[in-house]
Amino acid sequence: MSNVVNAAVEKLSERIESFGSTAKFVIENEGAIMIDENGVRAGDDEAEVTLFASRETFEGIMNGSVNPATAFMMGKLKIDGSMGVAMQLGQALS
């Protein structure tokens, strides 16, 4: 797994202890992160929603310089699956 994914797992783990649904963040050319009832980990399992972003967009979302809704509207954040679960994840991250 890449250093970007490892750092993201650590940072997300500080913000999310558990999540009632399953979500996956795919960071372009870096790997994937799973978020579920067990917490946050590197992985590429099935999920109710999958979010796709570049490293720059993902890091911006994590540090607060990029608004996820704006990134989605601009096509920098793509969502496949349940929009409701994506919105729950957004709330958990804020």
C-alpha atoms as a PDB file:
ATOM      1  CA  MET A   1       0.000   0.000   0.000  1.00  0.00           C
ATOM      2  CA  SER A   2       1.226   3.508  -0.739  1.00  0.00           C
ATOM      3  CA  ASN A   3       2.399   6.026   1.826  1.00  0.00           C
ATOM      4  CA  VAL A   4      -0.545   8.237   0.819  1.00  0.00           C
ATOM      5  CA  VAL A   5      -3.050   5.497   1.682  1.00  0.00           C
ATOM      6  CA  ASN A   6      -1.278   4.667   4.948  1.00  0.00           C
ATOM      7  CA  ALA A   7      -1.276   8.343   5.999  1.00  0.00           C
ATOM      8  CA  ALA A   8      -4.933   8.692   4.979  1.00  0.00           C
ATOM      9  CA  VAL A   9      -5.939   5.636   7.020  1.00  0.00           C
ATOM     10  CA  GLU A  10      -4.218   7.130  10.060  1.00  0.00           C
ATOM     11  CA  LYS A  11      -5.825  10.548   9.603  1.00  0.00           C
ATOM     12  CA  LEU A  12      -9.301   9.157   8.886  1.00  0.00           C
ATOM     13  CA  SER A  13      -9.046   6.841  11.902  1.00  0.00           C
ATOM     14  CA  GLU A  14      -8.668   9.931  14.104  1.00  0.00           C
ATOM     15  CA  ARG A  15     -11.934  11.311  12.725  1.00  0.00           C
ATOM     16  CA  ILE A  16     -14.056   8.167  12.316  1.00  0.00           C
ATOM     17  CA  GLU A  17     -14.133   5.374  14.889  1.00  0.00           C
ATOM     18  CA  SER A  18     -16.892   3.435  13.166  1.00  0.00           C
ATOM     19  CA  PHE A  19     -19.340   4.022  10.344  1.00  0.00           C
ATOM     20  CA  GLY A  20     -22.762   2.378  10.104  1.00  0.00           C
ATOM     21  CA  SER A  21     -22.457   1.701   6.373  1.00  0.00           C
ATOM     22  CA  THR A  22     -19.625   0.716   4.042  1.00  0.00           C
ATOM     23  CA  ALA A  23     -17.725   3.235   1.980  1.00  0.00           C
ATOM     24  CA  LYS A  24     -14.593   3.050  -0.107  1.00  0.00           C
ATOM     25  CA  PHE A  25     -12.296   5.912  -1.128  1.00  0.00           C
ATOM     26  CA  VAL A  26     -10.240   5.151  -4.242  1.00  0.00           C
ATOM     27  CA  ILE A  27      -7.285   7.504  -4.581  1.00  0.00           C
ATOM     28  CA  GLU A  28      -6.072   7.568  -8.168  1.00  0.00           C
ATOM     29  CA  ASN A  29      -2.741   5.731  -8.630  1.00  0.00           C
ATOM     30  CA  GLU A  30      -2.417   5.205  -4.850  1.00  0.00           C
ATOM     31  CA  GLY A  31      -4.930   2.600  -3.628  1.00  0.00           C
ATOM     32  CA  ALA A  32      -8.183   2.304  -1.715  1.00  0.00           C
ATOM     33  CA  ILE A  33      -9.438   2.887   1.811  1.00  0.00           C
ATOM     34  CA  MET A  34     -12.387   1.099   3.407  1.00  0.00           C
ATOM     35  CA  ILE A  35     -14.589   2.753   6.040  1.00  0.00           C
ATOM     36  CA  ASP A  36     -17.148   0.611   7.900  1.00  0.00           C
ATOM     37  CA  GLU A  37     -18.372  -0.517  11.318  1.00  0.00           C
ATOM     38  CA  ASN A  38     -14.854  -1.784  12.109  1.00  0.00           C
ATOM     39  CA  GLY A  39     -13.264   1.614  11.434  1.00  0.00           C
ATOM     40  CA  VAL A  40     -10.826   2.625   8.704  1.00  0.00           C
ATOM     41  CA  ARG A  41      -8.336   0.402   6.901  1.00  0.00           C
ATOM     42  CA  ALA A  42      -6.550   0.013   3.603  1.00  0.00           C
ATOM     43  CA  GLY A  43      -8.581  -2.309   1.387  1.00  0.00           C
ATOM     44  CA  ASP A  44     -10.557  -2.750  -1.776  1.00  0.00           C
ATOM     45  CA  ASP A  45     -13.690  -4.645  -0.715  1.00  0.00           C
ATOM     46  CA  GLU A  46     -17.260  -4.191  -1.917  1.00  0.00           C
ATOM     47  CA  ALA A  47     -18.935  -1.071  -0.512  1.00  0.00           C
ATOM     48  CA  GLU A  48     -22.310   0.650  -0.592  1.00  0.00           C
ATOM     49  CA  VAL A  49     -20.631   3.720  -2.058  1.00  0.00           C
ATOM     50  CA  THR A  50     -17.274   4.231  -3.746  1.00  0.00           C
ATOM     51  CA  LEU A  51     -15.718   7.673  -4.042  1.00  0.00           C
ATOM     52  CA  PHE A  52     -13.003   8.311  -6.632  1.00  0.00           C
ATOM     53  CA  ALA A  53     -10.594  11.258  -6.471  1.00  0.00           C
ATOM     54  CA  SER A  54      -7.067  12.278  -7.360  1.00  0.00           C
ATOM     55  CA  ARG A  55      -4.490  12.475  -4.623  1.00  0.00           C
ATOM     56  CA  GLU A  56      -4.672  16.279  -4.669  1.00  0.00           C
ATOM     57  CA  THR A  57      -8.462  16.348  -4.367  1.00  0.00           C
ATOM     58  CA  PHE A  58      -8.484  13.745  -1.602  1.00  0.00           C
ATOM     59  CA  GLU A  59      -5.804  15.581   0.377  1.00  0.00           C
ATOM     60  CA  GLY A  60      -7.755  18.833  -0.063  1.00  0.00           C
ATOM     61  CA  ILE A  61     -10.907  17.207   1.296  1.00  0.00           C
ATOM     62  CA  MET A  62      -8.941  15.850   4.241  1.00  0.00           C
ATOM     63  CA  ASN A  63      -7.298  19.169   5.154  1.00  0.00           C
ATOM     64  CA  GLY A  64     -10.458  21.213   4.575  1.00  0.00           C
ATOM     65  CA  SER A  65      -9.231  23.240   1.600  1.00  0.00           C
ATOM     66  CA  VAL A  66     -11.580  21.409  -0.811  1.00  0.00           C
ATOM     67  CA  ASN A  67     -15.320  21.208  -0.235  1.00  0.00           C
ATOM     68  CA  PRO A  68     -16.514  17.687  -1.168  1.00  0.00           C
ATOM     69  CA  ALA A  69     -19.783  18.973  -2.671  1.00  0.00           C
ATOM     70  CA  THR A  70     -17.893  21.477  -4.834  1.00  0.00           C
ATOM     71  CA  ALA A  71     -15.400  18.804  -5.889  1.00  0.00           C
ATOM     72  CA  PHE A  72     -18.318  16.567  -6.887  1.00  0.00           C
ATOM     73  CA  MET A  73     -20.007  19.354  -8.883  1.00  0.00           C
ATOM     74  CA  MET A  74     -16.720  20.106 -10.672  1.00  0.00           C
ATOM     75  CA  GLY A  75     -16.182  16.437 -11.530  1.00  0.00           C
ATOM     76  CA  LYS A  76     -13.109  16.126  -9.306  1.00  0.00           C
ATOM     77  CA  LEU A  77     -14.895  13.705  -6.962  1.00  0.00           C
ATOM     78  CA  LYS A  78     -16.867  10.866  -8.543  1.00  0.00           C
ATOM     79  CA  ILE A  79     -19.401   8.806  -6.622  1.00  0.00           C
ATOM     80  CA  ASP A  80     -20.630   5.331  -7.524  1.00  0.00           C
ATOM     81  CA  GLY A  81     -23.385   3.839  -5.386  1.00  0.00           C
ATOM     82  CA  SER A  82     -25.549   5.228  -2.617  1.00  0.00           C
ATOM     83  CA  MET A  83     -25.614   9.017  -2.534  1.00  0.00           C
ATOM     84  CA  GLY A  84     -27.192   8.785   0.931  1.00  0.00           C
ATOM     85  CA  VAL A  85     -24.198   6.860   2.282  1.00  0.00           C
ATOM     86  CA  ALA A  86     -21.866   9.377   0.614  1.00  0.00           C
ATOM     87  CA  MET A  87     -23.690  12.170   2.436  1.00  0.00           C
ATOM     88  CA  GLN A  88     -23.408  10.271   5.754  1.00  0.00           C
ATOM     89  CA  LEU A  89     -19.677   9.955   5.170  1.00  0.00           C
ATOM     90  CA  GLY A  90     -19.437  13.686   4.462  1.00  0.00           C
ATOM     91  CA  GLN A  91     -21.149  14.408   7.778  1.00  0.00           C
ATOM     92  CA  ALA A  92     -18.848  11.997   9.618  1.00  0.00           C
ATOM     93  CA  LEU A  93     -15.803  13.768   8.177  1.00  0.00           C
ATOM     94  CA  SER A  94     -16.913  17.280   9.150  1.00  0.00           C
END
